[in-house]
């Protein structure tokens, strides 16, 4: 009886081993009646999501109104090397004279009632200061400004072929001599000059008119 009982147990254990062996791995599994596994299945590996490439901001393009250009200087020079705060000073009024000398100057004290409306001016050429009421602000003359009798200022120190030409350097312009006179003849404008009182031929590029 014991012998048959032991044999039966051995056969039962053998059958359990055959049914519980995995064909590929040899691992022993247990099943329920429906054939599903009693053990918890291994957790699925999470999918690796590709991280999005970082967004690169587009470069900022400046409009023409936001350019880096620096603003023009208030004391800028024109083509005759005259600055916006320059004046031409005379010792007297032109009056009935053909022409008079004028000096390039800076205003150091503006006119007032206490100074009898005279301004203190410093001459660029020698630095001397004078009080005067004969000071004039000027601009480069345009063709439309030139008429018979127009009072003009011209550079004296650049004479070529008997024609007074505009200054060719800052040094000569600001350190040279200037004169004032009236336009008396424009018939030779096509030749490149007008005639100023005193019978002086002056290039139109060398003329300045008074700003009132």
N, C-alpha and C. Protein backbone atom coordinates (compact mmCIF):
# COMPACT_ATOMS: atom_id res chain seq x y z
N UNK A 1 0.84 -1.19 0.00
CA UNK A 1 0.00 0.00 0.00
C UNK A 1 0.87 1.23 0.00
N UNK A 2 1.82 1.29 0.89
CA UNK A 2 2.75 2.44 0.97
C UNK A 2 3.53 2.56 -0.31
N UNK A 3 3.94 1.42 -0.90
CA UNK A 3 4.72 1.42 -2.14
C UNK A 3 3.93 2.04 -3.25
N UNK A 4 2.63 1.68 -3.39
CA UNK A 4 1.81 2.25 -4.47
C UNK A 4 1.51 3.71 -4.21
N UNK A 5 1.36 4.06 -2.93
CA UNK A 5 1.09 5.47 -2.60
C UNK A 5 2.26 6.33 -2.99
N UNK A 6 3.49 5.88 -2.72
CA UNK A 6 4.69 6.66 -3.08
C UNK A 6 4.82 6.78 -4.56
N UNK A 7 4.49 5.73 -5.30
CA UNK A 7 4.56 5.77 -6.75
C UNK A 7 3.56 6.77 -7.30
N UNK A 8 2.39 6.81 -6.70
CA UNK A 8 1.36 7.77 -7.17
C UNK A 8 1.77 9.20 -6.96
N UNK A 9 2.42 9.46 -5.84
CA UNK A 9 2.88 10.83 -5.56
C UNK A 9 3.94 11.25 -6.54
N UNK A 10 4.85 10.31 -6.86
CA UNK A 10 5.92 10.62 -7.81
C UNK A 10 5.37 10.93 -9.17
N UNK A 11 4.35 10.13 -9.60
CA UNK A 11 3.75 10.38 -10.93
C UNK A 11 3.06 11.73 -10.96
N UNK A 12 2.38 12.10 -9.87
CA UNK A 12 1.66 13.38 -9.80
C UNK A 12 2.61 14.55 -9.87
N UNK A 13 3.72 14.43 -9.16
CA UNK A 13 4.72 15.52 -9.18
C UNK A 13 5.29 15.66 -10.55
N UNK A 14 5.54 14.53 -11.23
CA UNK A 14 6.10 14.57 -12.58
C UNK A 14 5.16 15.25 -13.55
N UNK A 15 3.87 14.98 -13.43
CA UNK A 15 2.88 15.59 -14.33
C UNK A 15 2.82 17.10 -14.11
N UNK A 16 2.90 17.49 -12.85
CA UNK A 16 2.85 18.93 -12.55
C UNK A 16 4.07 19.64 -13.15
N UNK A 17 5.22 18.98 -13.13
CA UNK A 17 6.44 19.60 -13.68
C UNK A 17 6.33 19.75 -15.18
N UNK A 18 5.74 18.73 -15.86
CA UNK A 18 5.60 18.78 -17.32
C UNK A 18 4.67 19.89 -17.71
N UNK A 19 3.51 20.03 -17.03
CA UNK A 19 2.53 21.07 -17.38
C UNK A 19 3.02 22.46 -17.01
N UNK A 20 3.85 22.62 -15.98
CA UNK A 20 4.26 23.97 -15.54
C UNK A 20 5.52 24.46 -16.19
N UNK A 21 6.19 23.68 -17.10
CA UNK A 21 7.47 24.09 -17.69
C UNK A 21 7.26 24.92 -18.94
N UNK A 22 7.90 26.06 -19.01
CA UNK A 22 7.87 26.90 -20.20
C UNK A 22 8.72 26.28 -21.25
N UNK A 23 8.18 26.18 -22.49
CA UNK A 23 8.89 25.50 -23.57
C UNK A 23 10.23 26.13 -23.88
N UNK A 24 10.33 27.47 -23.74
CA UNK A 24 11.57 28.13 -24.16
C UNK A 24 12.49 28.38 -22.99
N UNK A 25 11.95 28.90 -21.87
CA UNK A 25 12.84 29.30 -20.79
C UNK A 25 13.00 28.26 -19.72
N UNK A 26 12.07 27.26 -19.61
CA UNK A 26 12.15 26.23 -18.57
C UNK A 26 11.62 26.70 -17.25
N UNK A 27 11.06 27.89 -17.20
CA UNK A 27 10.52 28.40 -15.94
C UNK A 27 9.21 27.72 -15.63
N UNK A 28 8.88 27.54 -14.37
CA UNK A 28 7.65 26.88 -13.93
C UNK A 28 6.61 27.94 -13.66
N UNK A 29 5.41 27.75 -14.27
CA UNK A 29 4.30 28.68 -14.09
C UNK A 29 3.11 27.93 -13.53
N UNK A 30 2.26 28.63 -12.90
CA UNK A 30 0.99 28.04 -12.40
C UNK A 30 -0.14 28.67 -13.14
N UNK A 31 -1.20 27.92 -13.38
CA UNK A 31 -2.33 28.39 -14.16
C UNK A 31 -3.59 28.17 -13.35
N UNK A 32 -4.59 28.96 -13.64
CA UNK A 32 -5.90 28.70 -13.07
C UNK A 32 -6.71 27.94 -14.10
N UNK A 33 -7.94 27.67 -13.80
CA UNK A 33 -8.74 26.84 -14.67
C UNK A 33 -8.97 27.47 -16.01
N UNK A 34 -9.02 28.80 -16.08
CA UNK A 34 -9.25 29.47 -17.35
C UNK A 34 -8.00 29.60 -18.17
N UNK A 35 -6.83 29.15 -17.67
CA UNK A 35 -5.59 29.21 -18.42
C UNK A 35 -4.84 30.49 -18.25
N UNK A 36 -5.33 31.44 -17.44
CA UNK A 36 -4.60 32.69 -17.25
C UNK A 36 -3.65 32.56 -16.10
N UNK A 37 -2.61 33.39 -16.08
CA UNK A 37 -1.58 33.29 -15.07
C UNK A 37 -2.05 33.91 -13.78
N UNK A 38 -1.74 33.21 -12.66
CA UNK A 38 -2.07 33.78 -11.36
C UNK A 38 -1.14 34.94 -11.03
N UNK A 39 0.11 34.87 -11.46
CA UNK A 39 1.10 35.90 -11.11
C UNK A 39 0.84 37.20 -11.87
N UNK A 40 1.26 38.33 -11.30
CA UNK A 40 1.10 39.62 -11.97
C UNK A 40 2.07 39.72 -13.11
N UNK A 41 1.60 40.19 -14.26
CA UNK A 41 2.47 40.30 -15.42
C UNK A 41 3.45 41.45 -15.22
N UNK A 42 4.62 41.37 -15.86
CA UNK A 42 5.66 42.39 -15.73
C UNK A 42 5.16 43.71 -16.31
N UNK A 43 5.43 44.85 -15.66
CA UNK A 43 4.96 46.15 -16.17
C UNK A 43 5.57 46.47 -17.52
N UNK A 44 4.76 47.03 -18.40
CA UNK A 44 5.26 47.38 -19.73
C UNK A 44 6.24 48.54 -19.63
N UNK A 45 7.27 48.48 -20.47
CA UNK A 45 8.26 49.56 -20.48
C UNK A 45 7.63 50.81 -21.10
N UNK A 46 7.77 51.94 -20.45
CA UNK A 46 7.18 53.17 -21.01
C UNK A 46 7.86 53.55 -22.32
N UNK A 47 7.04 54.09 -23.24
CA UNK A 47 7.62 54.53 -24.51
C UNK A 47 8.50 55.76 -24.29
N UNK A 48 9.60 55.76 -24.97
CA UNK A 48 10.50 56.91 -24.90
C UNK A 48 10.01 57.96 -25.90
N UNK A 49 9.59 59.09 -25.35
CA UNK A 49 9.12 60.16 -26.20
C UNK A 49 10.29 61.06 -26.59
N UNK A 50 10.40 61.32 -27.86
CA UNK A 50 11.47 62.19 -28.33
C UNK A 50 11.15 63.63 -27.93
N UNK A 51 12.10 64.24 -27.22
CA UNK A 51 11.88 65.63 -26.81
C UNK A 51 11.96 66.54 -28.02
N UNK A 52 11.06 67.51 -28.03
CA UNK A 52 11.02 68.44 -29.17
C UNK A 52 12.26 69.32 -29.18
N UNK A 53 12.73 69.61 -30.37
CA UNK A 53 13.91 70.47 -30.49
C UNK A 53 13.57 71.86 -29.98
N UNK A 54 14.49 72.51 -29.27
CA UNK A 54 14.20 73.85 -28.75
C UNK A 54 13.93 74.82 -29.89
N UNK A 55 12.96 75.69 -29.65
CA UNK A 55 12.59 76.68 -30.67
C UNK A 55 13.56 77.83 -30.62
N UNK A 56 14.16 78.13 -31.74
CA UNK A 56 15.09 79.26 -31.81
C UNK A 56 14.34 80.51 -32.23
N UNK A 57 14.50 81.52 -31.43
CA UNK A 57 13.84 82.78 -31.78
C UNK A 57 14.47 83.39 -33.01
N UNK A 58 13.65 83.91 -33.89
CA UNK A 58 14.17 84.56 -35.10
C UNK A 58 14.88 85.83 -34.71
N UNK A 59 15.97 86.19 -35.39
CA UNK A 59 16.68 87.43 -35.05
C UNK A 59 15.80 88.64 -35.26
N UNK A 60 15.95 89.62 -34.37
CA UNK A 60 15.16 90.84 -34.47
C UNK A 60 15.74 91.73 -35.54
N UNK A 61 14.94 92.12 -36.49
CA UNK A 61 15.40 92.99 -37.57
C UNK A 61 14.94 94.39 -37.27
N UNK A 62 15.89 95.33 -37.19
CA UNK A 62 15.54 96.71 -36.90
C UNK A 62 14.99 97.39 -38.14
N UNK A 63 13.97 98.17 -37.92
CA UNK A 63 13.43 98.96 -39.03
C UNK A 63 14.34 100.13 -39.29
N UNK A 64 14.10 100.82 -40.39
CA UNK A 64 14.95 101.96 -40.73
C UNK A 64 14.84 103.06 -39.68
N UNK A 65 13.69 103.09 -38.94
CA UNK A 65 13.52 104.11 -37.92
C UNK A 65 14.32 103.81 -36.67
N UNK A 66 14.79 102.55 -36.53
CA UNK A 66 15.53 102.15 -35.35
C UNK A 66 16.99 101.93 -35.67
N UNK A 67 17.50 102.57 -36.66
CA UNK A 67 18.88 102.37 -37.05
C UNK A 67 19.81 102.89 -35.96
N UNK A 68 21.07 102.38 -36.00
CA UNK A 68 22.05 102.75 -35.00
C UNK A 68 22.84 103.99 -35.38
N UNK A 69 22.40 104.48 -36.38
CA UNK A 69 23.15 105.65 -36.78
C UNK A 69 23.01 106.73 -35.71
N UNK A 70 24.09 107.44 -35.45
CA UNK A 70 24.08 108.53 -34.52
C UNK A 70 23.48 109.76 -35.13
N UNK A 71 22.73 110.63 -34.38
CA UNK A 71 22.15 111.84 -34.93
C UNK A 71 23.19 112.85 -35.36
N UNK A 72 22.87 113.78 -36.36
CA UNK A 72 23.79 114.79 -36.83
C UNK A 72 24.09 115.78 -35.73
N UNK A 73 25.36 116.23 -35.68
CA UNK A 73 25.78 117.18 -34.66
C UNK A 73 25.13 118.54 -34.91
N UNK A 74 24.76 119.20 -33.81
CA UNK A 74 24.13 120.52 -33.92
C UNK A 74 25.11 121.55 -34.47
N UNK A 75 26.42 121.29 -34.27
CA UNK A 75 27.43 122.22 -34.74
C UNK A 75 28.05 121.78 -36.04
N UNK A 76 27.32 121.07 -36.88
CA UNK A 76 27.86 120.56 -38.13
C UNK A 76 28.25 121.67 -39.08
N UNK A 77 29.19 121.36 -39.98
CA UNK A 77 29.69 122.36 -40.92
C UNK A 77 29.08 122.18 -42.29
N UNK A 78 28.91 123.27 -43.03
CA UNK A 78 28.44 123.18 -44.40
C UNK A 78 29.63 123.04 -45.34
N UNK A 79 29.38 123.11 -46.65
CA UNK A 79 30.46 122.87 -47.61
C UNK A 79 31.54 123.94 -47.63
N UNK A 80 31.28 125.07 -46.96
CA UNK A 80 32.29 126.12 -46.85
C UNK A 80 32.94 126.11 -45.46
N UNK A 81 32.69 125.05 -44.70
CA UNK A 81 33.26 124.85 -43.37
C UNK A 81 32.74 125.87 -42.34
N UNK A 82 31.57 126.39 -42.59
CA UNK A 82 30.95 127.32 -41.64
C UNK A 82 29.96 126.54 -40.78
N UNK A 83 30.03 126.77 -39.47
CA UNK A 83 29.20 126.05 -38.52
C UNK A 83 27.89 126.78 -38.25
N UNK A 84 26.92 126.03 -37.75
CA UNK A 84 25.57 126.59 -37.59
C UNK A 84 25.49 127.71 -36.57
N UNK A 85 26.45 127.80 -35.65
CA UNK A 85 26.44 128.89 -34.66
C UNK A 85 27.51 129.94 -34.95
N UNK A 86 27.98 130.00 -36.20
CA UNK A 86 28.94 131.02 -36.61
C UNK A 86 28.23 132.29 -37.07
N UNK A 87 28.89 133.41 -36.88
CA UNK A 87 28.41 134.70 -37.36
C UNK A 87 29.54 135.40 -38.11
N UNK A 88 29.17 136.35 -38.96
CA UNK A 88 30.15 137.24 -39.58
C UNK A 88 29.94 138.63 -38.98
N UNK A 89 31.03 139.19 -38.45
CA UNK A 89 30.98 140.46 -37.73
C UNK A 89 31.67 141.54 -38.54
N UNK A 90 31.06 142.73 -38.58
CA UNK A 90 31.64 143.89 -39.25
C UNK A 90 31.88 145.00 -38.24
N UNK A 91 32.81 145.88 -38.57
CA UNK A 91 33.07 147.03 -37.70
C UNK A 91 32.04 148.13 -37.93
N UNK A 92 31.37 148.08 -39.09
CA UNK A 92 30.40 149.10 -39.45
C UNK A 92 29.41 148.52 -40.44
N UNK A 93 28.37 149.26 -40.73
CA UNK A 93 27.38 148.82 -41.71
C UNK A 93 27.95 148.96 -43.12
N UNK A 94 27.48 148.10 -44.04
CA UNK A 94 27.92 148.20 -45.43
C UNK A 94 27.53 149.54 -46.03
N UNK A 95 26.31 149.94 -45.78
CA UNK A 95 25.85 151.25 -46.24
C UNK A 95 26.06 151.44 -47.73
N UNK A 96 26.67 152.56 -48.10
CA UNK A 96 26.91 152.89 -49.51
C UNK A 96 28.30 152.45 -49.99
N UNK A 97 29.02 151.74 -49.15
CA UNK A 97 30.36 151.30 -49.53
C UNK A 97 30.27 150.13 -50.52
N UNK A 98 31.29 149.98 -51.35
CA UNK A 98 31.29 148.88 -52.32
C UNK A 98 31.40 147.54 -51.59
N UNK A 99 32.29 147.48 -50.62
CA UNK A 99 32.49 146.25 -49.86
C UNK A 99 33.16 146.58 -48.54
N UNK A 100 33.07 145.65 -47.57
CA UNK A 100 33.74 145.80 -46.28
C UNK A 100 34.27 144.43 -45.84
N UNK A 101 35.26 144.45 -44.95
CA UNK A 101 35.75 143.20 -44.37
C UNK A 101 34.79 142.73 -43.29
N UNK A 102 34.64 141.40 -43.18
CA UNK A 102 33.87 140.80 -42.09
C UNK A 102 34.71 139.68 -41.47
N UNK A 103 34.46 139.40 -40.20
CA UNK A 103 35.25 138.40 -39.47
C UNK A 103 34.35 137.26 -38.98
N UNK A 104 34.80 136.04 -39.20
CA UNK A 104 34.08 134.87 -38.70
C UNK A 104 34.18 134.86 -37.18
N UNK A 105 33.05 134.73 -36.49
CA UNK A 105 33.02 134.89 -35.04
C UNK A 105 32.00 133.96 -34.38
N UNK A 106 32.13 133.87 -33.07
CA UNK A 106 31.16 133.17 -32.22
C UNK A 106 30.55 134.17 -31.25
N UNK A 107 29.27 134.00 -30.94
CA UNK A 107 28.62 134.87 -29.97
C UNK A 107 28.90 134.36 -28.57
N UNK A 108 29.50 135.20 -27.73
CA UNK A 108 29.80 134.79 -26.36
C UNK A 108 28.79 135.36 -25.37
N UNK A 109 28.19 136.51 -25.71
CA UNK A 109 27.12 137.09 -24.88
C UNK A 109 26.03 137.62 -25.80
N UNK A 110 24.81 137.14 -25.66
CA UNK A 110 23.73 137.58 -26.55
C UNK A 110 23.36 139.03 -26.27
N UNK A 111 22.74 139.69 -27.24
CA UNK A 111 22.33 141.09 -27.04
C UNK A 111 21.21 141.20 -26.01
N UNK A 112 21.16 142.35 -25.37
CA UNK A 112 20.10 142.61 -24.39
C UNK A 112 19.91 144.12 -24.28
N UNK A 113 18.86 144.51 -23.59
CA UNK A 113 18.59 145.94 -23.43
C UNK A 113 19.69 146.62 -22.62
N UNK A 114 20.31 145.86 -21.70
CA UNK A 114 21.36 146.44 -20.88
C UNK A 114 22.65 146.66 -21.66
N UNK A 115 22.79 145.98 -22.80
CA UNK A 115 23.98 146.18 -23.64
C UNK A 115 23.64 146.97 -24.91
N UNK A 116 22.53 147.69 -24.88
CA UNK A 116 22.07 148.48 -26.03
C UNK A 116 21.90 147.61 -27.27
N UNK A 117 21.45 146.35 -27.03
CA UNK A 117 21.20 145.38 -28.11
C UNK A 117 22.47 145.02 -28.89
N UNK A 118 23.61 145.23 -28.28
CA UNK A 118 24.85 144.77 -28.87
C UNK A 118 25.20 143.41 -28.28
N UNK A 119 25.86 142.59 -29.09
CA UNK A 119 26.29 141.26 -28.64
C UNK A 119 27.80 141.24 -28.50
N UNK A 120 28.27 140.44 -27.57
CA UNK A 120 29.72 140.26 -27.45
C UNK A 120 30.12 139.10 -28.36
N UNK A 121 31.04 139.35 -29.27
CA UNK A 121 31.47 138.36 -30.25
C UNK A 121 32.97 138.08 -30.11
N UNK A 122 33.33 136.81 -30.29
CA UNK A 122 34.74 136.44 -30.27
C UNK A 122 35.16 136.06 -31.69
N UNK A 123 36.17 136.75 -32.21
CA UNK A 123 36.64 136.49 -33.56
C UNK A 123 37.46 135.20 -33.60
N UNK A 124 37.13 134.34 -34.55
CA UNK A 124 37.78 133.04 -34.66
C UNK A 124 39.26 133.19 -35.03
N UNK A 125 39.57 134.15 -35.85
CA UNK A 125 40.93 134.28 -36.38
C UNK A 125 41.96 134.61 -35.30
N UNK A 126 41.61 135.50 -34.35
CA UNK A 126 42.60 135.92 -33.35
C UNK A 126 42.10 135.79 -31.91
N UNK A 127 40.83 135.42 -31.71
CA UNK A 127 40.30 135.25 -30.36
C UNK A 127 39.91 136.54 -29.67
N UNK A 128 40.05 137.66 -30.34
CA UNK A 128 39.67 138.93 -29.73
C UNK A 128 38.15 139.05 -29.62
N UNK A 129 37.72 139.72 -28.55
CA UNK A 129 36.28 139.92 -28.32
C UNK A 129 35.91 141.38 -28.58
N UNK A 130 34.73 141.55 -29.18
CA UNK A 130 34.22 142.89 -29.45
C UNK A 130 32.73 142.93 -29.16
N UNK A 131 32.25 144.13 -28.77
CA UNK A 131 30.82 144.37 -28.65
C UNK A 131 30.37 145.06 -29.93
N UNK A 132 29.33 144.54 -30.57
CA UNK A 132 28.88 145.12 -31.84
C UNK A 132 27.42 144.77 -32.12
N UNK A 133 26.80 145.61 -32.93
CA UNK A 133 25.45 145.30 -33.41
C UNK A 133 25.49 144.85 -34.87
N UNK A 134 26.71 144.79 -35.43
CA UNK A 134 26.85 144.39 -36.83
C UNK A 134 27.33 142.93 -36.90
N UNK A 135 26.43 142.03 -36.63
CA UNK A 135 26.74 140.60 -36.71
C UNK A 135 25.66 139.94 -37.54
N UNK A 136 26.07 138.96 -38.36
CA UNK A 136 25.14 138.38 -39.34
C UNK A 136 25.30 136.86 -39.38
N UNK A 137 24.18 136.18 -39.32
CA UNK A 137 24.17 134.72 -39.54
C UNK A 137 23.90 134.50 -41.02
N UNK A 138 24.60 133.53 -41.62
CA UNK A 138 24.51 133.33 -43.07
C UNK A 138 24.34 131.86 -43.42
N UNK A 139 23.94 131.62 -44.66
CA UNK A 139 23.87 130.26 -45.22
C UNK A 139 24.46 130.30 -46.63
N UNK A 140 24.84 129.13 -47.13
CA UNK A 140 25.35 129.05 -48.50
C UNK A 140 24.24 129.49 -49.46
N UNK A 141 24.60 130.36 -50.41
CA UNK A 141 23.61 130.89 -51.35
C UNK A 141 23.17 129.84 -52.36
N UNK A 142 21.88 129.82 -52.64
CA UNK A 142 21.34 129.01 -53.73
C UNK A 142 21.16 129.91 -54.95
N UNK A 143 21.00 129.30 -56.09
CA UNK A 143 20.85 130.09 -57.31
C UNK A 143 19.65 131.03 -57.21
N UNK A 144 18.58 130.57 -56.57
CA UNK A 144 17.38 131.39 -56.44
C UNK A 144 17.59 132.58 -55.51
N UNK A 145 18.64 132.54 -54.67
CA UNK A 145 18.93 133.66 -53.76
C UNK A 145 19.63 134.82 -54.46
N UNK A 146 20.24 134.53 -55.61
CA UNK A 146 21.09 135.52 -56.26
C UNK A 146 20.27 136.44 -57.15
N UNK A 147 20.23 137.70 -56.75
CA UNK A 147 19.53 138.73 -57.51
C UNK A 147 20.39 140.00 -57.47
N UNK A 148 20.16 140.89 -58.40
CA UNK A 148 20.89 142.16 -58.38
C UNK A 148 20.60 142.90 -57.09
N UNK A 149 21.67 143.35 -56.43
CA UNK A 149 21.52 144.09 -55.18
C UNK A 149 21.57 143.22 -53.93
N UNK A 150 21.59 141.89 -54.09
CA UNK A 150 21.64 140.99 -52.92
C UNK A 150 22.97 141.17 -52.19
N UNK A 151 22.92 141.35 -50.87
CA UNK A 151 24.13 141.44 -50.05
C UNK A 151 24.66 140.03 -49.81
N UNK A 152 25.94 139.83 -50.13
CA UNK A 152 26.55 138.51 -50.01
C UNK A 152 27.85 138.60 -49.23
N UNK A 153 28.27 137.45 -48.69
CA UNK A 153 29.57 137.32 -48.04
C UNK A 153 30.37 136.32 -48.85
N UNK A 154 31.65 136.61 -49.08
CA UNK A 154 32.50 135.75 -49.91
C UNK A 154 33.88 135.57 -49.28
N UNK A 155 34.49 134.42 -49.58
CA UNK A 155 35.83 134.13 -49.08
C UNK A 155 36.86 134.84 -49.95
N UNK A 156 37.88 135.42 -49.33
CA UNK A 156 38.85 136.26 -50.03
C UNK A 156 40.12 135.55 -50.46
N UNK A 157 40.47 134.45 -49.79
CA UNK A 157 41.84 133.93 -49.89
C UNK A 157 42.03 132.75 -50.86
N UNK A 158 41.14 132.60 -51.84
CA UNK A 158 41.31 131.51 -52.82
C UNK A 158 40.95 132.05 -54.21
N UNK A 159 41.88 132.83 -54.76
CA UNK A 159 41.66 133.48 -56.05
C UNK A 159 42.32 132.67 -57.16
N UNK A 160 41.52 132.21 -58.12
CA UNK A 160 42.03 131.46 -59.26
C UNK A 160 41.56 132.11 -60.55
N UNK A 161 42.52 132.44 -61.39
CA UNK A 161 42.19 133.07 -62.69
C UNK A 161 41.28 134.28 -62.51
N UNK A 162 41.58 135.06 -61.47
CA UNK A 162 40.87 136.31 -61.19
C UNK A 162 39.43 136.07 -60.71
N UNK A 163 39.13 134.85 -60.27
CA UNK A 163 37.80 134.54 -59.71
C UNK A 163 37.98 134.08 -58.27
N UNK A 164 37.21 134.67 -57.38
CA UNK A 164 37.26 134.27 -55.97
C UNK A 164 36.47 132.98 -55.78
N UNK A 165 37.20 131.93 -55.34
CA UNK A 165 36.62 130.61 -55.19
C UNK A 165 36.33 130.30 -53.72
N UNK A 166 35.50 129.29 -53.48
CA UNK A 166 35.18 128.86 -52.12
C UNK A 166 36.43 128.30 -51.43
N UNK A 167 36.50 128.35 -50.11
CA UNK A 167 37.66 127.80 -49.40
C UNK A 167 37.82 126.31 -49.68
N UNK A 168 39.06 125.85 -49.79
CA UNK A 168 39.31 124.44 -50.09
C UNK A 168 39.73 123.63 -48.88
N UNK A 169 39.72 124.24 -47.70
CA UNK A 169 40.05 123.50 -46.47
C UNK A 169 39.42 124.20 -45.27
N UNK A 170 39.27 123.47 -44.22
CA UNK A 170 38.71 124.04 -42.99
C UNK A 170 39.63 125.09 -42.41
N UNK A 171 40.93 124.83 -42.49
CA UNK A 171 41.90 125.75 -41.92
C UNK A 171 41.85 127.11 -42.61
N UNK A 172 41.79 127.08 -43.96
CA UNK A 172 41.77 128.36 -44.67
C UNK A 172 40.44 129.08 -44.47
N UNK A 173 39.35 128.33 -44.42
CA UNK A 173 38.04 128.95 -44.24
C UNK A 173 37.93 129.66 -42.90
N UNK A 174 38.34 128.99 -41.84
CA UNK A 174 38.14 129.52 -40.50
C UNK A 174 39.27 130.44 -40.05
N UNK A 175 40.36 130.40 -40.78
CA UNK A 175 41.46 131.30 -40.42
C UNK A 175 41.71 132.38 -41.45
N UNK A 176 40.96 132.37 -42.55
CA UNK A 176 41.17 133.33 -43.63
C UNK A 176 40.27 134.55 -43.55
N UNK A 177 40.36 135.38 -44.61
CA UNK A 177 39.61 136.63 -44.66
C UNK A 177 38.34 136.49 -45.50
N UNK A 178 37.30 137.21 -45.10
CA UNK A 178 36.01 137.23 -45.81
C UNK A 178 35.62 138.69 -46.01
N UNK A 179 34.84 138.93 -47.05
CA UNK A 179 34.35 140.29 -47.30
C UNK A 179 32.86 140.26 -47.65
N UNK A 180 32.23 141.43 -47.51
CA UNK A 180 30.79 141.58 -47.79
C UNK A 180 30.60 142.62 -48.89
N UNK A 181 29.68 142.34 -49.81
CA UNK A 181 29.37 143.30 -50.87
C UNK A 181 28.03 142.97 -51.49
N UNK A 182 27.69 143.70 -52.54
CA UNK A 182 26.42 143.48 -53.23
C UNK A 182 26.64 142.93 -54.63
N UNK A 183 25.74 142.03 -55.05
CA UNK A 183 25.79 141.50 -56.42
C UNK A 183 25.36 142.62 -57.36
N UNK A 184 26.21 142.91 -58.37
CA UNK A 184 25.88 143.99 -59.31
C UNK A 184 25.75 143.50 -60.75
N UNK A 185 26.15 142.25 -61.03
CA UNK A 185 26.05 141.74 -62.41
C UNK A 185 25.96 140.22 -62.36
N UNK A 186 24.96 139.67 -63.05
CA UNK A 186 24.78 138.22 -63.09
C UNK A 186 24.83 137.67 -64.51
N UNK A 187 25.19 138.51 -65.47
CA UNK A 187 25.16 138.08 -66.87
C UNK A 187 26.25 137.06 -67.21
N UNK A 188 27.26 136.94 -66.35
CA UNK A 188 28.34 135.98 -66.60
C UNK A 188 28.20 134.73 -65.74
N UNK A 189 27.01 134.51 -65.23
CA UNK A 189 26.80 133.33 -64.38
C UNK A 189 27.10 132.05 -65.15
N UNK A 190 26.80 132.05 -66.45
CA UNK A 190 27.06 130.85 -67.26
C UNK A 190 28.57 130.58 -67.39
N UNK A 191 29.38 131.57 -67.12
CA UNK A 191 30.84 131.41 -67.15
C UNK A 191 31.39 130.95 -65.79
N UNK A 192 30.51 130.91 -64.80
CA UNK A 192 30.92 130.42 -63.49
C UNK A 192 31.20 131.49 -62.47
N UNK A 193 30.70 132.70 -62.69
CA UNK A 193 30.89 133.74 -61.69
C UNK A 193 29.84 134.84 -61.81
N UNK A 194 29.66 135.55 -60.70
CA UNK A 194 28.87 136.78 -60.70
C UNK A 194 29.82 137.91 -60.31
N UNK A 195 29.41 139.15 -60.55
CA UNK A 195 30.26 140.29 -60.20
C UNK A 195 29.70 140.99 -58.97
N UNK A 196 30.58 141.20 -57.99
CA UNK A 196 30.22 141.87 -56.76
C UNK A 196 30.80 143.29 -56.81
N UNK A 197 30.13 144.22 -56.16
CA UNK A 197 30.57 145.62 -56.13
C UNK A 197 32.07 145.71 -55.82
N UNK A 198 32.73 146.55 -56.58
CA UNK A 198 34.18 146.62 -56.53
C UNK A 198 34.79 145.92 -57.72
N UNK A 199 33.89 145.39 -58.58
CA UNK A 199 34.27 144.67 -59.81
C UNK A 199 35.03 143.37 -59.50
N UNK A 200 34.55 142.67 -58.47
CA UNK A 200 35.15 141.38 -58.09
C UNK A 200 34.32 140.23 -58.65
N UNK A 201 34.99 139.31 -59.33
CA UNK A 201 34.33 138.13 -59.88
C UNK A 201 34.34 137.03 -58.82
N UNK A 202 33.17 136.52 -58.51
CA UNK A 202 33.04 135.55 -57.42
C UNK A 202 32.26 134.34 -57.90
N UNK A 203 32.80 133.16 -57.64
CA UNK A 203 32.09 131.92 -57.98
C UNK A 203 30.81 131.84 -57.16
N UNK A 204 29.71 131.39 -57.76
CA UNK A 204 28.45 131.24 -56.98
C UNK A 204 28.60 130.25 -55.83
N UNK A 205 29.57 129.35 -55.91
CA UNK A 205 29.80 128.39 -54.83
C UNK A 205 30.53 129.05 -53.65
N UNK A 206 30.95 130.29 -53.85
CA UNK A 206 31.67 131.02 -52.81
C UNK A 206 30.82 132.14 -52.23
N UNK A 207 29.52 132.06 -52.39
CA UNK A 207 28.64 133.12 -51.91
C UNK A 207 27.76 132.64 -50.76
N UNK A 208 27.57 133.52 -49.80
CA UNK A 208 26.68 133.28 -48.68
C UNK A 208 25.70 134.45 -48.59
N UNK A 209 24.48 134.14 -48.16
CA UNK A 209 23.48 135.20 -48.00
C UNK A 209 23.09 135.30 -46.53
N UNK A 210 22.67 136.47 -46.15
CA UNK A 210 22.33 136.75 -44.74
C UNK A 210 20.96 136.16 -44.40
N UNK A 211 20.89 135.51 -43.25
CA UNK A 211 19.62 134.97 -42.74
C UNK A 211 19.00 136.03 -41.85
N UNK A 212 17.77 136.44 -42.18
CA UNK A 212 17.11 137.50 -41.39
C UNK A 212 16.17 136.89 -40.37
